């Protein structure tokens, strides 16, 4: 049975843990590099990306996660987590792990009051569209050749992507009751059955 770590420095890490545990998947909060021992994958939750980057640096986790990601460690970034994975950001962003070949624009839809929900077809998910919740969300502006776009808004802009062992979503699957993306991460990215 896989144990999935959830970065617990800031943001909505509790909701990811509740989702995983509701599926019968063991989870643990990751705050130090020692917390990565025994976890087979990591979810970086939504939150405030600049704050998370600063906390990653002070905790010593930034370099450890960057190295592990480059070695093939499975990581899923949601919202702010997607920003942390990106190789390139708009001028308002602060680069962090730089392990996924995507260009990301922070707060692409505006302020908190501009948050929205929409139904999205997601490649690799059966059972119809996924109800995606966007809260001060980023957008993927460009992808490299090794990146597979999994979901797009109706206007064609990518909002979910995969690159080998890395998964990124601009929205918040943990705020729904739909476990399909968490199951996708555990089964398809981490390689463990649920």
N, C-alpha and C. Protein backbone atom coordinates (compact mmCIF):
# COMPACT_ATOMS: atom_id res chain seq x y z
N UNK A 1 0.85 -1.19 0.00
CA UNK A 1 0.00 0.00 0.00
C UNK A 1 0.89 1.25 0.00
N UNK A 2 0.59 2.14 -0.91
CA UNK A 2 1.36 3.38 -1.02
C UNK A 2 1.01 4.34 0.11
N UNK A 3 2.00 5.11 0.51
CA UNK A 3 1.77 6.25 1.39
C UNK A 3 2.10 7.50 0.58
N UNK A 4 1.14 8.41 0.50
CA UNK A 4 1.31 9.64 -0.26
C UNK A 4 1.54 10.78 0.71
N UNK A 5 2.63 11.50 0.51
CA UNK A 5 2.89 12.67 1.33
C UNK A 5 2.15 13.88 0.78
N UNK A 6 1.76 14.77 1.67
CA UNK A 6 1.14 16.04 1.28
C UNK A 6 1.95 17.15 1.93
N UNK A 7 2.51 18.03 1.08
CA UNK A 7 3.29 19.14 1.61
C UNK A 7 2.41 19.97 2.54
N UNK A 8 2.82 20.13 3.79
CA UNK A 8 1.97 20.74 4.81
C UNK A 8 2.57 22.00 5.39
N UNK A 9 3.18 22.81 4.53
CA UNK A 9 3.78 24.07 5.00
C UNK A 9 2.77 25.21 5.01
N UNK A 10 1.83 25.18 4.08
CA UNK A 10 0.81 26.23 3.95
C UNK A 10 -0.20 25.74 2.93
N UNK A 11 -1.41 26.23 2.98
CA UNK A 11 -2.41 25.87 1.98
C UNK A 11 -3.36 24.78 2.45
N UNK A 12 -4.07 24.19 1.48
CA UNK A 12 -5.15 23.26 1.83
C UNK A 12 -4.71 21.80 1.84
N UNK A 13 -3.66 21.51 2.60
CA UNK A 13 -3.14 20.15 2.69
C UNK A 13 -4.09 19.19 3.39
N UNK A 14 -4.88 19.69 4.34
CA UNK A 14 -5.80 18.80 5.07
C UNK A 14 -6.84 18.19 4.14
N UNK A 15 -7.32 18.99 3.20
CA UNK A 15 -8.33 18.50 2.27
C UNK A 15 -7.79 17.38 1.38
N UNK A 16 -6.53 17.48 0.97
CA UNK A 16 -5.91 16.40 0.18
C UNK A 16 -5.79 15.14 1.03
N UNK A 17 -5.38 15.29 2.27
CA UNK A 17 -5.25 14.12 3.14
C UNK A 17 -6.59 13.46 3.37
N UNK A 18 -7.64 14.25 3.57
CA UNK A 18 -8.97 13.69 3.76
C UNK A 18 -9.43 12.93 2.52
N UNK A 19 -9.14 13.48 1.34
CA UNK A 19 -9.51 12.82 0.09
C UNK A 19 -8.80 11.48 -0.03
N UNK A 20 -7.49 11.47 0.21
CA UNK A 20 -6.71 10.24 0.12
C UNK A 20 -7.18 9.20 1.13
N UNK A 21 -7.37 9.62 2.36
CA UNK A 21 -7.76 8.68 3.40
C UNK A 21 -9.17 8.16 3.17
N UNK A 22 -10.05 8.99 2.57
CA UNK A 22 -11.38 8.54 2.21
C UNK A 22 -11.35 7.46 1.14
N UNK A 23 -10.28 7.41 0.36
CA UNK A 23 -10.08 6.38 -0.67
C UNK A 23 -9.36 5.15 -0.12
N UNK A 24 -8.95 5.21 1.14
CA UNK A 24 -8.21 4.11 1.73
C UNK A 24 -6.71 4.17 1.47
N UNK A 25 -6.21 5.35 1.07
CA UNK A 25 -4.78 5.53 0.81
C UNK A 25 -4.14 6.20 2.02
N UNK A 26 -3.04 5.64 2.49
CA UNK A 26 -2.33 6.23 3.62
C UNK A 26 -1.70 7.55 3.18
N UNK A 27 -1.68 8.52 4.09
CA UNK A 27 -1.06 9.80 3.77
C UNK A 27 -0.30 10.31 4.99
N UNK A 28 0.62 11.23 4.72
CA UNK A 28 1.37 11.84 5.80
C UNK A 28 1.71 13.28 5.45
N UNK A 29 1.81 14.11 6.46
CA UNK A 29 2.15 15.51 6.26
C UNK A 29 3.67 15.66 6.13
N UNK A 30 4.10 16.41 5.13
CA UNK A 30 5.52 16.61 4.87
C UNK A 30 5.88 18.05 5.20
N UNK A 31 6.76 18.20 6.18
CA UNK A 31 7.25 19.53 6.58
C UNK A 31 8.78 19.60 6.57
N UNK A 32 9.43 18.44 6.62
CA UNK A 32 10.89 18.37 6.60
C UNK A 32 11.31 17.28 5.63
N UNK A 33 12.59 17.26 5.28
CA UNK A 33 13.06 16.22 4.35
C UNK A 33 12.91 14.83 4.96
N UNK A 34 13.00 14.72 6.26
CA UNK A 34 12.83 13.42 6.91
C UNK A 34 11.41 12.89 6.74
N UNK A 35 10.43 13.79 6.59
CA UNK A 35 9.04 13.38 6.38
C UNK A 35 8.84 12.70 5.03
N UNK A 36 9.80 12.85 4.12
CA UNK A 36 9.70 12.20 2.81
C UNK A 36 10.06 10.72 2.86
N UNK A 37 10.73 10.30 3.95
CA UNK A 37 11.09 8.89 4.08
C UNK A 37 9.81 8.05 4.13
N UNK A 38 9.74 7.08 3.27
CA UNK A 38 8.60 6.16 3.29
C UNK A 38 7.38 6.61 2.51
N UNK A 39 7.44 7.75 1.85
CA UNK A 39 6.32 8.14 0.99
C UNK A 39 6.69 7.85 -0.46
N UNK A 40 5.69 7.39 -1.23
CA UNK A 40 5.94 7.02 -2.61
C UNK A 40 5.59 8.12 -3.61
N UNK A 41 5.01 9.20 -3.14
CA UNK A 41 4.67 10.34 -3.98
C UNK A 41 4.30 11.52 -3.10
N UNK A 42 4.20 12.71 -3.71
CA UNK A 42 3.93 13.92 -2.95
C UNK A 42 2.92 14.79 -3.68
N UNK A 43 1.98 15.33 -2.92
CA UNK A 43 1.05 16.33 -3.45
C UNK A 43 1.45 17.68 -2.87
N UNK A 44 1.62 18.67 -3.77
CA UNK A 44 1.85 20.04 -3.34
C UNK A 44 0.53 20.78 -3.50
N UNK A 45 -0.09 21.20 -2.41
CA UNK A 45 -1.45 21.75 -2.47
C UNK A 45 -1.50 23.20 -2.95
N UNK A 46 -2.72 23.64 -3.16
CA UNK A 46 -2.95 25.05 -3.41
C UNK A 46 -2.68 25.86 -2.16
N UNK A 47 -2.47 27.13 -2.34
CA UNK A 47 -2.17 28.04 -1.25
C UNK A 47 -1.59 29.31 -1.86
N UNK A 48 -0.66 29.92 -1.18
CA UNK A 48 -0.03 31.13 -1.70
C UNK A 48 1.39 30.75 -2.13
N UNK A 49 1.63 30.74 -3.44
CA UNK A 49 2.88 30.17 -3.97
C UNK A 49 4.13 30.85 -3.43
N UNK A 50 4.12 32.17 -3.30
CA UNK A 50 5.31 32.87 -2.81
C UNK A 50 5.62 32.45 -1.37
N UNK A 51 4.60 32.32 -0.56
CA UNK A 51 4.79 31.88 0.82
C UNK A 51 5.32 30.45 0.87
N UNK A 52 4.76 29.57 0.05
CA UNK A 52 5.22 28.18 0.04
C UNK A 52 6.68 28.10 -0.38
N UNK A 53 7.08 28.87 -1.40
CA UNK A 53 8.48 28.87 -1.84
C UNK A 53 9.40 29.30 -0.70
N UNK A 54 9.03 30.36 -0.01
CA UNK A 54 9.87 30.84 1.11
C UNK A 54 9.98 29.78 2.21
N UNK A 55 8.87 29.12 2.51
CA UNK A 55 8.88 28.07 3.54
C UNK A 55 9.68 26.85 3.08
N UNK A 56 9.61 26.52 1.79
CA UNK A 56 10.43 25.42 1.27
C UNK A 56 11.91 25.73 1.45
N UNK A 57 12.29 26.97 1.21
CA UNK A 57 13.69 27.35 1.36
C UNK A 57 14.14 27.28 2.81
N UNK A 58 13.35 27.85 3.72
CA UNK A 58 13.76 27.87 5.13
C UNK A 58 13.74 26.47 5.75
N UNK A 59 12.88 25.58 5.25
CA UNK A 59 12.81 24.23 5.80
C UNK A 59 13.87 23.32 5.21
N UNK A 60 14.57 23.78 4.16
CA UNK A 60 15.56 22.94 3.50
C UNK A 60 14.97 21.95 2.51
N UNK A 61 13.68 22.04 2.27
CA UNK A 61 13.00 21.08 1.38
C UNK A 61 13.16 21.40 -0.10
N UNK A 62 13.42 22.65 -0.44
CA UNK A 62 13.44 23.03 -1.85
C UNK A 62 14.44 22.20 -2.66
N UNK A 63 15.68 22.17 -2.23
CA UNK A 63 16.71 21.44 -2.96
C UNK A 63 16.45 19.94 -2.94
N UNK A 64 15.96 19.42 -1.82
CA UNK A 64 15.67 17.99 -1.70
C UNK A 64 14.58 17.59 -2.69
N UNK A 65 13.50 18.36 -2.74
CA UNK A 65 12.40 18.05 -3.65
C UNK A 65 12.83 18.21 -5.11
N UNK A 66 13.62 19.22 -5.37
CA UNK A 66 14.10 19.44 -6.74
C UNK A 66 14.94 18.23 -7.20
N UNK A 67 15.83 17.78 -6.34
CA UNK A 67 16.67 16.63 -6.68
C UNK A 67 15.84 15.37 -6.85
N UNK A 68 14.93 15.14 -5.93
CA UNK A 68 14.10 13.92 -6.00
C UNK A 68 13.20 13.93 -7.22
N UNK A 69 12.64 15.09 -7.55
CA UNK A 69 11.80 15.20 -8.75
C UNK A 69 12.61 14.87 -9.99
N UNK A 70 13.82 15.35 -10.05
CA UNK A 70 14.69 15.07 -11.21
C UNK A 70 15.10 13.61 -11.28
N UNK A 71 15.01 12.90 -10.15
CA UNK A 71 15.33 11.47 -10.10
C UNK A 71 14.12 10.60 -10.37
N UNK A 72 12.94 11.21 -10.56
CA UNK A 72 11.75 10.43 -10.89
C UNK A 72 10.71 10.29 -9.79
N UNK A 73 10.87 11.02 -8.70
CA UNK A 73 9.90 10.97 -7.60
C UNK A 73 8.57 11.59 -8.05
N UNK A 74 7.45 10.88 -7.90
CA UNK A 74 6.15 11.40 -8.36
C UNK A 74 5.67 12.59 -7.52
N UNK A 75 5.30 13.67 -8.22
CA UNK A 75 4.78 14.87 -7.56
C UNK A 75 3.58 15.37 -8.34
N UNK A 76 2.54 15.76 -7.61
CA UNK A 76 1.36 16.39 -8.19
C UNK A 76 1.21 17.77 -7.57
N UNK A 77 1.21 18.80 -8.38
CA UNK A 77 1.00 20.16 -7.92
C UNK A 77 -0.38 20.65 -8.32
N UNK A 78 -1.17 21.09 -7.34
CA UNK A 78 -2.49 21.66 -7.62
C UNK A 78 -2.45 23.16 -7.35
N UNK A 79 -2.93 23.95 -8.29
CA UNK A 79 -2.99 25.40 -8.20
C UNK A 79 -1.60 25.98 -7.88
N UNK A 80 -1.36 26.43 -6.66
CA UNK A 80 -0.03 26.94 -6.31
C UNK A 80 1.04 25.88 -6.52
N UNK A 81 0.69 24.62 -6.29
CA UNK A 81 1.63 23.52 -6.50
C UNK A 81 2.07 23.43 -7.95
N UNK A 82 1.15 23.74 -8.88
CA UNK A 82 1.51 23.75 -10.30
C UNK A 82 2.53 24.85 -10.57
N UNK A 83 2.36 25.99 -9.94
CA UNK A 83 3.30 27.10 -10.09
C UNK A 83 4.69 26.66 -9.63
N UNK A 84 4.77 25.94 -8.52
CA UNK A 84 6.05 25.50 -7.98
C UNK A 84 6.77 24.51 -8.90
N UNK A 85 6.02 23.72 -9.66
CA UNK A 85 6.63 22.74 -10.56
C UNK A 85 7.20 23.37 -11.83
N UNK A 86 6.66 24.52 -12.24
CA UNK A 86 6.94 25.10 -13.55
C UNK A 86 8.40 25.51 -13.75
N UNK A 87 8.87 25.31 -14.99
CA UNK A 87 10.20 25.80 -15.39
C UNK A 87 10.21 27.29 -15.64
N UNK A 88 9.05 27.82 -16.07
CA UNK A 88 8.96 29.23 -16.45
C UNK A 88 7.68 29.83 -15.89
N UNK A 89 7.79 31.08 -15.41
CA UNK A 89 6.64 31.80 -14.85
C UNK A 89 6.56 33.19 -15.46
N UNK A 90 5.37 33.81 -15.32
CA UNK A 90 5.24 35.21 -15.70
C UNK A 90 6.03 36.07 -14.72
N UNK A 91 6.08 37.34 -14.98
CA UNK A 91 6.93 38.25 -14.19
C UNK A 91 6.54 38.37 -12.73
N UNK A 92 5.32 37.93 -12.36
CA UNK A 92 4.89 38.05 -10.96
C UNK A 92 5.29 36.84 -10.13
N UNK A 93 5.81 35.81 -10.77
CA UNK A 93 6.08 34.56 -10.06
C UNK A 93 7.48 34.45 -9.51
N UNK A 94 7.64 33.51 -8.59
CA UNK A 94 8.92 33.20 -7.96
C UNK A 94 9.22 31.74 -8.26
N UNK A 95 10.23 31.48 -9.09
CA UNK A 95 10.54 30.11 -9.48
C UNK A 95 10.93 29.27 -8.26
N UNK A 96 10.55 27.99 -8.32
CA UNK A 96 10.84 27.10 -7.20
C UNK A 96 11.54 25.84 -7.69
N UNK A 97 10.79 24.77 -7.92
CA UNK A 97 11.41 23.48 -8.26
C UNK A 97 11.94 23.45 -9.69
N UNK A 98 11.26 24.08 -10.62
CA UNK A 98 11.69 24.15 -12.02
C UNK A 98 11.96 22.77 -12.60
N UNK A 99 10.99 21.86 -12.48
CA UNK A 99 11.16 20.49 -12.95
C UNK A 99 10.19 20.09 -14.05
N UNK A 100 9.16 20.90 -14.32
CA UNK A 100 8.18 20.55 -15.34
C UNK A 100 8.26 21.57 -16.48
N UNK A 101 8.25 21.08 -17.70
CA UNK A 101 8.46 21.92 -18.87
C UNK A 101 7.17 22.65 -19.27
N UNK A 102 6.73 23.53 -18.39
CA UNK A 102 5.53 24.34 -18.62
C UNK A 102 5.83 25.79 -18.26
N UNK A 103 5.10 26.68 -18.93
CA UNK A 103 5.12 28.11 -18.59
C UNK A 103 3.79 28.43 -17.94
N UNK A 104 3.83 29.05 -16.78
CA UNK A 104 2.62 29.30 -15.99
C UNK A 104 2.46 30.79 -15.71
N UNK A 105 1.22 31.26 -15.79
CA UNK A 105 0.87 32.62 -15.39
C UNK A 105 0.05 32.53 -14.11
N UNK A 106 0.52 33.21 -13.07
CA UNK A 106 -0.19 33.24 -11.78
C UNK A 106 -1.45 34.09 -11.88
N UNK A 107 -2.43 33.78 -11.05
CA UNK A 107 -3.68 34.56 -10.95
C UNK A 107 -4.20 34.96 -12.33
N UNK A 108 -4.25 33.99 -13.22
CA UNK A 108 -4.61 34.25 -14.63
C UNK A 108 -6.05 34.72 -14.82
N UNK A 109 -6.90 34.46 -13.85
CA UNK A 109 -8.31 34.80 -14.00
C UNK A 109 -8.74 35.99 -13.17
N UNK A 110 -7.80 36.59 -12.44
CA UNK A 110 -8.15 37.75 -11.64
C UNK A 110 -8.15 37.46 -10.14
N UNK A 111 -8.96 38.21 -9.44
CA UNK A 111 -8.97 38.15 -7.97
C UNK A 111 -9.88 37.04 -7.47
N UNK A 112 -9.97 36.93 -6.15
CA UNK A 112 -10.78 35.91 -5.49
C UNK A 112 -12.23 35.94 -5.99
N UNK A 113 -12.77 37.12 -6.20
CA UNK A 113 -14.17 37.23 -6.64
C UNK A 113 -14.37 36.70 -8.06
N UNK A 114 -13.29 36.50 -8.79
CA UNK A 114 -13.37 35.96 -10.15
C UNK A 114 -13.23 34.45 -10.19
N UNK A 115 -13.25 33.80 -9.04
CA UNK A 115 -13.17 32.34 -8.97
C UNK A 115 -14.41 31.75 -9.64
N UNK A 116 -14.25 30.52 -10.16
CA UNK A 116 -15.36 29.89 -10.87
C UNK A 116 -15.22 28.37 -10.87
N UNK A 117 -16.29 27.70 -11.29
CA UNK A 117 -16.30 26.25 -11.46
C UNK A 117 -16.75 25.95 -12.88
N UNK A 118 -16.23 24.85 -13.43
CA UNK A 118 -16.64 24.42 -14.76
C UNK A 118 -16.42 22.92 -14.89
N UNK A 119 -17.16 22.29 -15.77
CA UNK A 119 -17.00 20.87 -16.04
C UNK A 119 -15.99 20.68 -17.17
N UNK A 120 -14.97 19.85 -16.92
CA UNK A 120 -13.90 19.64 -17.89
C UNK A 120 -13.72 18.16 -18.21
N UNK A 121 -13.67 17.82 -19.49
CA UNK A 121 -13.20 16.47 -19.84
C UNK A 121 -11.70 16.39 -19.50
N UNK A 122 -11.30 15.31 -18.85
CA UNK A 122 -9.89 15.11 -18.49
C UNK A 122 -9.43 13.79 -19.09
N UNK A 123 -8.39 13.85 -19.93
CA UNK A 123 -7.84 12.65 -20.55
C UNK A 123 -7.41 11.66 -19.47
N UNK A 124 -7.79 10.41 -19.64
CA UNK A 124 -7.42 9.37 -18.69
C UNK A 124 -8.45 9.13 -17.61
N UNK A 125 -9.47 9.99 -17.52
CA UNK A 125 -10.53 9.80 -16.53
C UNK A 125 -11.79 9.31 -17.23
N UNK A 126 -12.38 8.25 -16.71
CA UNK A 126 -13.66 7.79 -17.20
C UNK A 126 -14.76 8.36 -16.30
N UNK A 127 -16.00 8.29 -16.78
CA UNK A 127 -17.12 8.71 -15.94
C UNK A 127 -17.59 10.13 -16.19
N UNK A 128 -17.21 10.71 -17.31
CA UNK A 128 -17.70 12.04 -17.65
C UNK A 128 -16.78 13.15 -17.20
N UNK A 129 -17.23 14.40 -17.41
CA UNK A 129 -16.40 15.57 -17.08
C UNK A 129 -16.11 15.67 -15.58
N UNK A 130 -15.03 16.34 -15.26
CA UNK A 130 -14.62 16.59 -13.88
C UNK A 130 -15.03 18.02 -13.53
N UNK A 131 -15.69 18.19 -12.38
CA UNK A 131 -16.08 19.53 -11.93
C UNK A 131 -14.84 20.21 -11.34
N UNK A 132 -14.30 21.18 -12.06
CA UNK A 132 -13.06 21.85 -11.67
C UNK A 132 -13.36 23.17 -10.99
N UNK A 133 -12.73 23.39 -9.84
CA UNK A 133 -12.90 24.61 -9.05
C UNK A 133 -11.63 25.45 -9.18
N UNK A 134 -11.77 26.65 -9.74
CA UNK A 134 -10.65 27.56 -9.96
C UNK A 134 -10.75 28.71 -8.96
N UNK A 135 -9.73 28.86 -8.09
CA UNK A 135 -9.70 29.93 -7.09
C UNK A 135 -8.38 30.68 -7.25
N UNK A 136 -8.44 31.92 -7.72
CA UNK A 136 -7.23 32.69 -8.01
C UNK A 136 -6.21 31.81 -8.73
N UNK A 137 -6.69 31.12 -9.72
CA UNK A 137 -5.94 30.04 -10.35
C UNK A 137 -4.92 30.52 -11.37
N UNK A 138 -3.87 29.73 -11.53
CA UNK A 138 -2.92 29.97 -12.61
C UNK A 138 -3.43 29.33 -13.90
N UNK A 139 -2.71 29.56 -14.98
CA UNK A 139 -3.02 28.93 -16.27
C UNK A 139 -1.70 28.49 -16.88
N UNK A 140 -1.74 27.42 -17.66
CA UNK A 140 -0.56 26.98 -18.40
C UNK A 140 -0.56 27.74 -19.73
N UNK A 141 0.48 28.52 -19.95
CA UNK A 141 0.57 29.31 -21.18
C UNK A 141 1.30 28.57 -22.30
N UNK A 142 2.20 27.67 -21.95
CA UNK A 142 2.94 26.91 -22.96
C UNK A 142 3.44 25.62 -22.34
N UNK A 143 3.56 24.58 -23.18
CA UNK A 143 4.08 23.29 -22.73
C UNK A 143 5.22 22.86 -23.65
N UNK A 144 6.18 22.16 -23.07
CA UNK A 144 7.28 21.62 -23.85
C UNK A 144 6.87 20.33 -24.54
N UNK A 145 7.75 19.79 -25.38
CA UNK A 145 7.40 18.63 -26.19
C UNK A 145 7.13 17.35 -25.40
N UNK A 146 7.66 17.23 -24.20
CA UNK A 146 7.43 16.02 -23.40
C UNK A 146 6.23 16.10 -22.48
N UNK A 147 5.43 17.16 -22.61
CA UNK A 147 4.29 17.38 -21.72
C UNK A 147 2.98 17.01 -22.43
N UNK A 148 2.17 16.21 -21.77
CA UNK A 148 0.85 15.84 -22.29
C UNK A 148 -0.21 16.70 -21.61
N UNK A 149 -0.97 17.45 -22.40
CA UNK A 149 -2.08 18.24 -21.85
C UNK A 149 -3.25 17.29 -21.59
N UNK A 150 -3.76 17.31 -20.37
CA UNK A 150 -4.86 16.41 -19.98
C UNK A 150 -6.22 17.09 -20.00
N UNK A 151 -6.25 18.41 -19.82
CA UNK A 151 -7.53 19.12 -19.81
C UNK A 151 -7.31 20.55 -20.27
N UNK A 152 -8.32 21.05 -20.99
CA UNK A 152 -8.31 22.44 -21.48
C UNK A 152 -9.64 23.09 -21.16
N UNK A 153 -9.59 24.40 -20.97
CA UNK A 153 -10.82 25.18 -20.87
C UNK A 153 -11.48 25.22 -22.25
N UNK A 154 -12.74 25.61 -22.32
CA UNK A 154 -13.40 25.70 -23.63
C UNK A 154 -12.66 26.60 -24.63
N UNK A 155 -11.91 27.59 -24.14
CA UNK A 155 -11.16 28.47 -25.06
C UNK A 155 -9.83 27.85 -25.50
N UNK A 156 -9.54 26.63 -25.05
CA UNK A 156 -8.34 25.92 -25.48
C UNK A 156 -7.15 26.02 -24.57
N UNK A 157 -7.20 26.86 -23.54
CA UNK A 157 -6.05 27.01 -22.65
C UNK A 157 -5.90 25.79 -21.74
N UNK A 158 -4.67 25.24 -21.64
CA UNK A 158 -4.44 24.06 -20.80
C UNK A 158 -4.57 24.38 -19.31
N UNK A 159 -5.19 23.45 -18.57
CA UNK A 159 -5.33 23.60 -17.12
C UNK A 159 -4.93 22.34 -16.35
N UNK A 160 -4.54 21.30 -17.07
CA UNK A 160 -4.02 20.08 -16.44
C UNK A 160 -3.04 19.44 -17.40
N UNK A 161 -1.91 18.96 -16.85
CA UNK A 161 -0.87 18.38 -17.70
C UNK A 161 -0.08 17.35 -16.93
N UNK A 162 0.56 16.47 -17.72
CA UNK A 162 1.42 15.43 -17.15
C UNK A 162 2.73 15.41 -17.93
N UNK A 163 3.81 15.23 -17.18
CA UNK A 163 5.12 15.01 -17.78
C UNK A 163 5.77 13.88 -17.00
N UNK A 164 5.74 12.69 -17.57
CA UNK A 164 6.29 11.51 -16.92
C UNK A 164 5.69 11.32 -15.52
N UNK A 165 6.49 11.54 -14.49
CA UNK A 165 6.09 11.32 -13.10
C UNK A 165 5.55 12.59 -12.43
N UNK A 166 5.30 13.63 -13.22
CA UNK A 166 4.80 14.90 -12.67
C UNK A 166 3.40 15.17 -13.20
N UNK A 167 2.53 15.65 -12.32
CA UNK A 167 1.15 15.98 -12.67
C UNK A 167 0.88 17.40 -12.16
N UNK A 168 0.19 18.19 -12.97
CA UNK A 168 -0.12 19.57 -12.57
C UNK A 168 -1.56 19.89 -12.95
N UNK A 169 -2.29 20.48 -12.00
CA UNK A 169 -3.64 20.95 -12.26
C UNK A 169 -3.77 22.38 -11.74
N UNK A 170 -4.41 23.24 -12.55
CA UNK A 170 -4.60 24.64 -12.16
C UNK A 170 -5.75 24.79 -11.17
N UNK A 171 -6.54 23.76 -11.02
CA UNK A 171 -7.75 23.81 -10.19
C UNK A 171 -7.56 22.95 -8.94
N UNK A 172 -8.63 22.87 -8.13
CA UNK A 172 -8.58 22.25 -6.79
C UNK A 172 -9.45 20.98 -6.73
N UNK A 173 -8.92 19.82 -7.12
CA UNK A 173 -9.72 18.59 -7.03
C UNK A 173 -10.08 18.21 -5.60
N UNK A 174 -9.26 18.64 -4.65
CA UNK A 174 -9.49 18.28 -3.24
C UNK A 174 -10.71 18.97 -2.65
N UNK A 175 -11.25 19.98 -3.32
CA UNK A 175 -12.43 20.68 -2.81
C UNK A 175 -13.73 20.10 -3.36
N UNK A 176 -13.62 19.00 -4.09
CA UNK A 176 -14.80 18.31 -4.60
C UNK A 176 -14.94 16.99 -3.84
N UNK A 177 -15.96 16.23 -4.21
CA UNK A 177 -16.10 14.87 -3.66
C UNK A 177 -15.64 13.83 -4.66
N UNK A 178 -15.12 14.29 -5.78
CA UNK A 178 -14.71 13.43 -6.89
C UNK A 178 -13.27 12.98 -6.67
N UNK A 179 -13.06 11.70 -6.47
CA UNK A 179 -11.73 11.16 -6.15
C UNK A 179 -10.94 10.75 -7.40
N UNK A 180 -11.49 10.96 -8.59
CA UNK A 180 -10.85 10.39 -9.78
C UNK A 180 -9.44 10.92 -10.04
N UNK A 181 -9.18 12.20 -9.82
CA UNK A 181 -7.82 12.70 -10.05
C UNK A 181 -6.84 12.21 -8.99
N UNK A 182 -7.28 12.09 -7.76
CA UNK A 182 -6.42 11.53 -6.72
C UNK A 182 -6.11 10.06 -7.05
N UNK A 183 -7.12 9.34 -7.51
CA UNK A 183 -6.92 7.94 -7.91
C UNK A 183 -5.95 7.87 -9.11
N UNK A 184 -6.11 8.79 -10.07
CA UNK A 184 -5.23 8.85 -11.23
C UNK A 184 -3.78 9.05 -10.78
N UNK A 185 -3.55 9.97 -9.84
CA UNK A 185 -2.20 10.21 -9.35
C UNK A 185 -1.62 8.96 -8.69
N UNK A 186 -2.38 8.35 -7.80
CA UNK A 186 -1.86 7.19 -7.07
C UNK A 186 -1.62 6.02 -8.02
N UNK A 187 -2.58 5.75 -8.92
CA UNK A 187 -2.47 4.57 -9.77
C UNK A 187 -1.57 4.79 -10.98
N UNK A 188 -1.74 5.90 -11.69
CA UNK A 188 -1.02 6.10 -12.95
C UNK A 188 0.33 6.77 -12.78
N UNK A 189 0.47 7.66 -11.80
CA UNK A 189 1.73 8.39 -11.64
C UNK A 189 2.63 7.67 -10.62
N UNK A 190 2.06 7.34 -9.46
CA UNK A 190 2.84 6.65 -8.43
C UNK A 190 2.99 5.18 -8.77
N UNK A 191 1.96 4.60 -9.41
CA UNK A 191 2.02 3.20 -9.81
C UNK A 191 1.58 2.22 -8.74
N UNK A 192 0.68 2.65 -7.87
CA UNK A 192 0.14 1.79 -6.81
C UNK A 192 -1.35 1.60 -7.00
N UNK A 193 -1.86 0.43 -6.69
CA UNK A 193 -3.30 0.21 -6.83
C UNK A 193 -4.03 0.75 -5.61
N UNK A 194 -5.27 1.19 -5.85
CA UNK A 194 -6.11 1.73 -4.78
C UNK A 194 -7.23 0.75 -4.51
